Amino acid sequence: MSDSKVLTESKGKSESSAWLFVILAGFLEVVWASGFKYEEVPSLVVLIAILLSFDLIIRATKVIPVGTVYAVFAGIGTIGTVIVEILFENGSVSPLRVALILLLLACIIGLKLTNKEGDV
């Protein structure tokens, strides 16, 4: 196997891992942000979720541009937190709120799709 092929495969695995870190960190953000409001989430879980989410974000920024990482992380956290709030509060949501959540989701996907190899 040629060196360039090994480097390409290694970079692909590294980038895939970085995106997995961003997604996991986004879900952990939902846990810790929700824990600020809901007593059902123990303080220790909130603290662990904060520390782990930021560790994952730091690791991801070694491979993916920091602006992209942070935007996707915050977007996942925002969407997840809104969904948790809808589920725990009253269950009703306006069509405008749904449209805005879908727009935010489209922007997150767009950032992922437009991430170029040389953007670091």
C-alpha atoms as a PDB file:
ATOM      1  CA  MET A   1       0.000   0.000   0.000  1.00  0.00           C
ATOM      2  CA  SER A   2       1.406   3.412  -0.913  1.00  0.00           C
ATOM      3  CA  ASP A   3       2.190   6.045   1.713  1.00  0.00           C
ATOM      4  CA  SER A   4      -0.337   8.492   0.256  1.00  0.00           C
ATOM      5  CA  LYS A   5      -3.101   5.875   0.430  1.00  0.00           C
ATOM      6  CA  VAL A   6      -2.235   5.117   4.069  1.00  0.00           C
ATOM      7  CA  LEU A   7      -2.251   8.851   4.873  1.00  0.00           C
ATOM      8  CA  THR A   8      -5.616   9.319   3.148  1.00  0.00           C
ATOM      9  CA  GLU A   9      -7.150   6.356   4.991  1.00  0.00           C
ATOM     10  CA  SER A  10      -5.667   7.554   8.281  1.00  0.00           C
ATOM     11  CA  LYS A  11      -7.012  11.097   7.750  1.00  0.00           C
ATOM     12  CA  GLY A  12     -10.444   9.700   6.830  1.00  0.00           C
ATOM     13  CA  LYS A  13     -10.572   7.643  10.016  1.00  0.00           C
ATOM     14  CA  SER A  14      -9.314  10.600  12.016  1.00  0.00           C
ATOM     15  CA  GLU A  15     -11.950  12.909  10.550  1.00  0.00           C
ATOM     16  CA  SER A  16     -14.688  10.314  11.086  1.00  0.00           C
ATOM     17  CA  SER A  17     -13.630  10.000  14.718  1.00  0.00           C
ATOM     18  CA  ALA A  18     -13.602  13.777  15.085  1.00  0.00           C
ATOM     19  CA  TRP A  19     -17.165  14.047  13.764  1.00  0.00           C
ATOM     20  CA  LEU A  20     -18.227  11.269  16.136  1.00  0.00           C
ATOM     21  CA  PHE A  21     -16.656  13.276  18.984  1.00  0.00           C
ATOM     22  CA  VAL A  22     -18.625  16.370  17.940  1.00  0.00           C
ATOM     23  CA  ILE A  23     -21.907  14.442  17.826  1.00  0.00           C
ATOM     24  CA  LEU A  24     -21.302  12.786  21.205  1.00  0.00           C
ATOM     25  CA  ALA A  25     -20.299  16.138  22.715  1.00  0.00           C
ATOM     26  CA  GLY A  26     -23.513  17.668  21.351  1.00  0.00           C
ATOM     27  CA  PHE A  27     -25.602  14.989  23.036  1.00  0.00           C
ATOM     28  CA  LEU A  28     -23.679  15.457  26.271  1.00  0.00           C
ATOM     29  CA  GLU A  29     -24.446  19.165  26.033  1.00  0.00           C
ATOM     30  CA  VAL A  30     -28.138  18.297  26.036  1.00  0.00           C
ATOM     31  CA  VAL A  31     -27.565  16.327  29.253  1.00  0.00           C
ATOM     32  CA  TRP A  32     -25.695  19.053  31.088  1.00  0.00           C
ATOM     33  CA  ALA A  33     -27.833  21.943  29.833  1.00  0.00           C
ATOM     34  CA  SER A  34     -31.002  20.099  30.792  1.00  0.00           C
ATOM     35  CA  GLY A  35     -29.437  19.282  34.150  1.00  0.00           C
ATOM     36  CA  PHE A  36     -29.321  22.983  34.974  1.00  0.00           C
ATOM     37  CA  LYS A  37     -33.115  23.072  34.879  1.00  0.00           C
ATOM     38  CA  TYR A  38     -34.343  19.597  35.797  1.00  0.00           C
ATOM     39  CA  GLU A  39     -33.608  18.128  39.229  1.00  0.00           C
ATOM     40  CA  GLU A  40     -33.916  14.613  37.770  1.00  0.00           C
ATOM     41  CA  VAL A  41     -30.390  14.999  36.385  1.00  0.00           C
ATOM     42  CA  PRO A  42     -27.928  14.601  39.292  1.00  0.00           C
ATOM     43  CA  SER A  43     -25.258  17.289  39.715  1.00  0.00           C
ATOM     44  CA  LEU A  44     -22.473  14.732  39.341  1.00  0.00           C
ATOM     45  CA  VAL A  45     -23.893  13.675  35.955  1.00  0.00           C
ATOM     46  CA  VAL A  46     -24.005  17.335  34.887  1.00  0.00           C
ATOM     47  CA  LEU A  47     -20.374  17.859  35.907  1.00  0.00           C
ATOM     48  CA  ILE A  48     -19.165  14.698  34.148  1.00  0.00           C
ATOM     49  CA  ALA A  49     -21.155  15.592  31.011  1.00  0.00           C
ATOM     50  CA  ILE A  50     -19.623  19.094  30.915  1.00  0.00           C
ATOM     51  CA  LEU A  51     -16.065  17.841  31.297  1.00  0.00           C
ATOM     52  CA  LEU A  52     -16.461  14.998  28.820  1.00  0.00           C
ATOM     53  CA  SER A  53     -18.214  17.168  26.223  1.00  0.00           C
ATOM     54  CA  PHE A  54     -15.445  19.766  26.310  1.00  0.00           C
ATOM     55  CA  ASP A  55     -12.750  17.081  26.137  1.00  0.00           C
ATOM     56  CA  LEU A  56     -14.424  15.670  23.011  1.00  0.00           C
ATOM     57  CA  ILE A  57     -14.694  19.146  21.473  1.00  0.00           C
ATOM     58  CA  ILE A  58     -10.996  19.803  22.099  1.00  0.00           C
ATOM     59  CA  ARG A  59     -10.091  16.511  20.426  1.00  0.00           C
ATOM     60  CA  ALA A  60     -12.342  17.262  17.435  1.00  0.00           C
ATOM     61  CA  THR A  61     -10.785  20.685  16.859  1.00  0.00           C
ATOM     62  CA  LYS A  62      -7.426  19.008  16.242  1.00  0.00           C
ATOM     63  CA  VAL A  63      -8.902  17.685  12.964  1.00  0.00           C
ATOM     64  CA  ILE A  64     -11.917  19.850  12.038  1.00  0.00           C
ATOM     65  CA  PRO A  65     -11.959  23.692  11.947  1.00  0.00           C
ATOM     66  CA  VAL A  66     -12.913  25.094  15.347  1.00  0.00           C
ATOM     67  CA  GLY A  67     -15.703  27.293  13.940  1.00  0.00           C
ATOM     68  CA  THR A  68     -17.370  24.315  12.306  1.00  0.00           C
ATOM     69  CA  VAL A  69     -16.950  22.146  15.409  1.00  0.00           C
ATOM     70  CA  TYR A  70     -18.407  24.761  17.722  1.00  0.00           C
ATOM     71  CA  ALA A  71     -21.343  25.593  15.437  1.00  0.00           C
ATOM     72  CA  VAL A  72     -22.309  21.928  15.030  1.00  0.00           C
ATOM     73  CA  PHE A  73     -21.804  21.245  18.764  1.00  0.00           C
ATOM     74  CA  ALA A  74     -23.945  24.219  19.766  1.00  0.00           C
ATOM     75  CA  GLY A  75     -26.580  23.395  17.145  1.00  0.00           C
ATOM     76  CA  ILE A  76     -26.940  19.799  18.318  1.00  0.00           C
ATOM     77  CA  GLY A  77     -27.144  21.022  21.909  1.00  0.00           C
ATOM     78  CA  THR A  78     -29.725  23.665  21.042  1.00  0.00           C
ATOM     79  CA  ILE A  79     -31.959  21.304  19.090  1.00  0.00           C
ATOM     80  CA  GLY A  80     -31.668  18.581  21.728  1.00  0.00           C
ATOM     81  CA  THR A  81     -32.343  20.944  24.605  1.00  0.00           C
ATOM     82  CA  VAL A  82     -35.405  22.398  22.866  1.00  0.00           C
ATOM     83  CA  ILE A  83     -36.727  18.877  22.254  1.00  0.00           C
ATOM     84  CA  VAL A  84     -36.157  17.913  25.915  1.00  0.00           C
ATOM     85  CA  GLU A  85     -37.937  21.090  27.009  1.00  0.00           C
ATOM     86  CA  ILE A  86     -40.879  20.341  24.707  1.00  0.00           C
ATOM     87  CA  LEU A  87     -41.130  16.796  26.072  1.00  0.00           C
ATOM     88  CA  PHE A  88     -40.835  17.779  29.756  1.00  0.00           C
ATOM     89  CA  GLU A  89     -42.864  20.985  29.717  1.00  0.00           C
ATOM     90  CA  ASN A  90     -46.156  20.844  27.868  1.00  0.00           C
ATOM     91  CA  GLY A  91     -45.602  18.862  24.685  1.00  0.00           C
ATOM     92  CA  SER A  92     -46.937  21.577  22.400  1.00  0.00           C
ATOM     93  CA  VAL A  93     -44.823  23.365  19.849  1.00  0.00           C
ATOM     94  CA  SER A  94     -45.680  26.000  17.283  1.00  0.00           C
ATOM     95  CA  PRO A  95     -45.156  25.405  13.562  1.00  0.00           C
ATOM     96  CA  LEU A  96     -42.742  28.371  13.503  1.00  0.00           C
ATOM     97  CA  ARG A  97     -40.597  26.789  16.219  1.00  0.00           C
ATOM     98  CA  VAL A  98     -40.519  23.498  14.284  1.00  0.00           C
ATOM     99  CA  ALA A  99     -39.524  25.372  11.113  1.00  0.00           C
ATOM    100  CA  LEU A 100     -36.714  27.186  12.927  1.00  0.00           C
ATOM    101  CA  ILE A 101     -35.418  23.932  14.443  1.00  0.00           C
ATOM    102  CA  LEU A 102     -35.432  22.344  10.974  1.00  0.00           C
ATOM    103  CA  LEU A 103     -33.596  25.371   9.563  1.00  0.00           C
ATOM    104  CA  LEU A 104     -30.958  25.055  12.274  1.00  0.00           C
ATOM    105  CA  LEU A 105     -30.634  21.339  11.509  1.00  0.00           C
ATOM    106  CA  ALA A 106     -30.194  22.133   7.800  1.00  0.00           C
ATOM    107  CA  CYS A 107     -27.406  24.588   8.662  1.00  0.00           C
ATOM    108  CA  ILE A 108     -25.628  21.973  10.809  1.00  0.00           C
ATOM    109  CA  ILE A 109     -25.803  19.438   7.992  1.00  0.00           C
ATOM    110  CA  GLY A 110     -24.602  22.096   5.546  1.00  0.00           C
ATOM    111  CA  LEU A 111     -21.543  22.829   7.696  1.00  0.00           C
ATOM    112  CA  LYS A 112     -20.715  19.129   7.821  1.00  0.00           C
ATOM    113  CA  LEU A 113     -21.113  18.720   4.056  1.00  0.00           C
ATOM    114  CA  THR A 114     -19.066  21.805   3.181  1.00  0.00           C
ATOM    115  CA  ASN A 115     -16.136  20.913   5.437  1.00  0.00           C
ATOM    116  CA  LYS A 116     -13.162  20.640   3.077  1.00  0.00           C
ATOM    117  CA  GLU A 117     -10.027  18.578   3.581  1.00  0.00           C
ATOM    118  CA  GLY A 118      -7.726  21.587   3.673  1.00  0.00           C
ATOM    119  CA  ASP A 119      -9.815  23.617   6.171  1.00  0.00           C
ATOM    120  CA  VAL A 120      -7.915  23.302   9.426  1.00  0.00           C
END
